[in-house]
Amino acid sequence: MKTIAIALLAISLLAGCAGKPMREPTSVKLNDGTTHYFIKTDFKPCQQSRDWAIRTLKIRANEICKSGYMLVDEQTPVILEPLERSGGKRELTWEIKCRNAS
C-alpha cells in the first residue's frame, strides 16, 4: 500500500510539472542566405518540466532540420513577478540553424 501511495505521489508531481505543447516555429532569412528558426515551448519551474521542454525542442529541431542542426541561442526570459502571479510558467526559446546536407 505504501508503494502505491509513493507511486501516485510521484505521478501527480510529474503531471504538475508538465509543459504545454510547442508553438509553431518562426524563421528569419539572414543576409548571408542562411535561415534561422525560432522554436519555443512553455515549462514550469521544476527540473522535470525543463528536461521535457529540452527533449521536445530537440525533437522539433530534428524535424525541421533533416540533416541536423546547430543551436545558435537559448533563452528563458526572466520573470520579475512572484511565481504565484505568473502561474509558474517559463518559456524556453531556441534559435537554431540547419546544417548543410553533405
Protein backbone atom coordinates (compact mmCIF):
# COMPACT_ATOMS: atom_id res chain seq x y z
CA MET A 1 0.00 0.00 0.00
CA LYS A 2 2.86 2.36 0.85
CA THR A 3 4.46 1.70 -2.57
CA ILE A 4 1.21 2.57 -4.34
CA ALA A 5 0.92 5.84 -2.39
CA ILE A 6 4.50 6.81 -3.29
CA ALA A 7 3.90 5.96 -6.96
CA LEU A 8 0.72 8.05 -7.06
CA LEU A 9 2.53 10.96 -5.42
CA ALA A 10 5.35 10.78 -7.97
CA ILE A 11 2.87 10.70 -10.86
CA SER A 12 0.96 13.69 -9.52
CA LEU A 13 4.19 15.67 -9.06
CA LEU A 14 5.33 14.91 -12.60
CA ALA A 15 1.91 15.77 -14.02
CA GLY A 16 2.05 19.10 -12.20
CA CYS A 17 5.37 19.86 -13.88
CA ALA A 18 4.33 19.09 -17.45
CA GLY A 19 4.72 21.84 -20.02
CA LYS A 20 2.45 22.93 -22.82
CA PRO A 21 2.77 21.74 -26.41
CA MET A 22 5.22 23.57 -28.60
CA ARG A 23 4.15 26.53 -30.72
CA GLU A 24 4.70 26.78 -34.47
CA PRO A 25 8.27 27.77 -35.38
CA THR A 26 9.12 31.09 -36.99
CA SER A 27 12.03 31.67 -39.32
CA VAL A 28 14.26 34.53 -40.44
CA LYS A 29 16.43 34.55 -43.56
CA LEU A 30 19.69 36.38 -42.86
CA ASN A 31 21.73 38.47 -45.32
CA ASP A 32 24.23 35.63 -45.77
CA GLY A 33 21.42 33.41 -47.11
CA THR A 34 21.09 31.18 -44.05
CA THR A 35 17.76 30.65 -42.36
CA HIS A 36 17.44 30.65 -38.60
CA TYR A 37 14.42 29.05 -36.94
CA PHE A 38 12.93 30.03 -33.59
CA ILE A 39 11.14 27.29 -31.69
CA LYS A 40 9.64 27.70 -28.25
CA THR A 41 7.65 25.93 -25.59
CA ASP A 42 6.45 26.63 -22.07
CA PHE A 43 7.60 24.78 -18.99
CA LYS A 44 7.03 25.01 -15.26
CA PRO A 45 9.75 25.80 -12.71
CA CYS A 46 10.80 22.25 -11.93
CA GLN A 47 13.64 20.21 -13.40
CA GLN A 48 11.39 17.51 -14.91
CA SER A 49 9.46 20.14 -16.87
CA ARG A 50 12.64 21.82 -18.16
CA ASP A 51 14.03 18.41 -19.20
CA TRP A 52 10.74 17.71 -21.01
CA ALA A 53 10.97 21.09 -22.79
CA ILE A 54 14.54 20.41 -23.95
CA ARG A 55 13.62 16.93 -25.27
CA THR A 56 10.62 18.42 -27.06
CA LEU A 57 12.71 21.17 -28.69
CA LYS A 58 15.35 18.63 -29.79
CA ILE A 59 12.70 16.51 -31.49
CA ARG A 60 11.21 19.55 -33.24
CA ALA A 61 14.66 20.83 -34.31
CA ASN A 62 15.41 17.45 -35.90
CA GLU A 63 12.05 17.54 -37.71
CA ILE A 64 12.84 20.99 -39.14
CA CYS A 65 16.47 20.23 -39.99
CA LYS A 66 16.68 16.76 -41.52
CA SER A 67 20.50 16.98 -41.85
CA GLY A 68 20.96 18.11 -38.24
CA TYR A 69 21.01 21.50 -36.56
CA MET A 70 23.20 23.88 -34.61
CA LEU A 71 21.84 25.57 -31.50
CA VAL A 72 22.61 29.27 -32.02
CA ASP A 73 20.93 30.64 -28.88
CA GLU A 74 18.81 29.51 -25.94
CA GLN A 75 16.73 31.94 -23.94
CA THR A 76 14.49 31.76 -20.92
CA PRO A 77 13.19 35.28 -20.20
CA VAL A 78 13.43 36.37 -16.58
CA ILE A 79 10.04 36.95 -14.98
CA LEU A 80 10.23 39.52 -12.21
CA GLU A 81 6.82 38.93 -10.65
CA PRO A 82 6.23 36.26 -7.99
CA LEU A 83 5.67 32.69 -9.22
CA GLU A 84 2.09 32.74 -7.93
CA ARG A 85 1.16 35.68 -10.17
CA SER A 86 2.90 34.33 -13.28
CA GLY A 87 1.37 30.89 -12.83
CA GLY A 88 4.87 29.50 -12.54
CA LYS A 89 5.26 29.21 -16.31
CA ARG A 90 8.51 29.85 -18.12
CA GLU A 91 9.18 29.98 -21.85
CA LEU A 92 12.16 28.24 -23.41
CA THR A 93 13.18 29.57 -26.84
CA TRP A 94 15.78 28.06 -29.14
CA GLU A 95 17.30 29.70 -32.19
CA ILE A 96 18.62 27.01 -34.50
CA LYS A 97 20.37 26.84 -37.85
CA CYS A 98 20.22 23.79 -40.09
CA ARG A 99 23.47 22.10 -41.02
CA ASN A 100 24.24 21.76 -44.70
CA ALA A 101 23.45 18.36 -46.12
CA SER A 102 26.74 16.85 -47.31
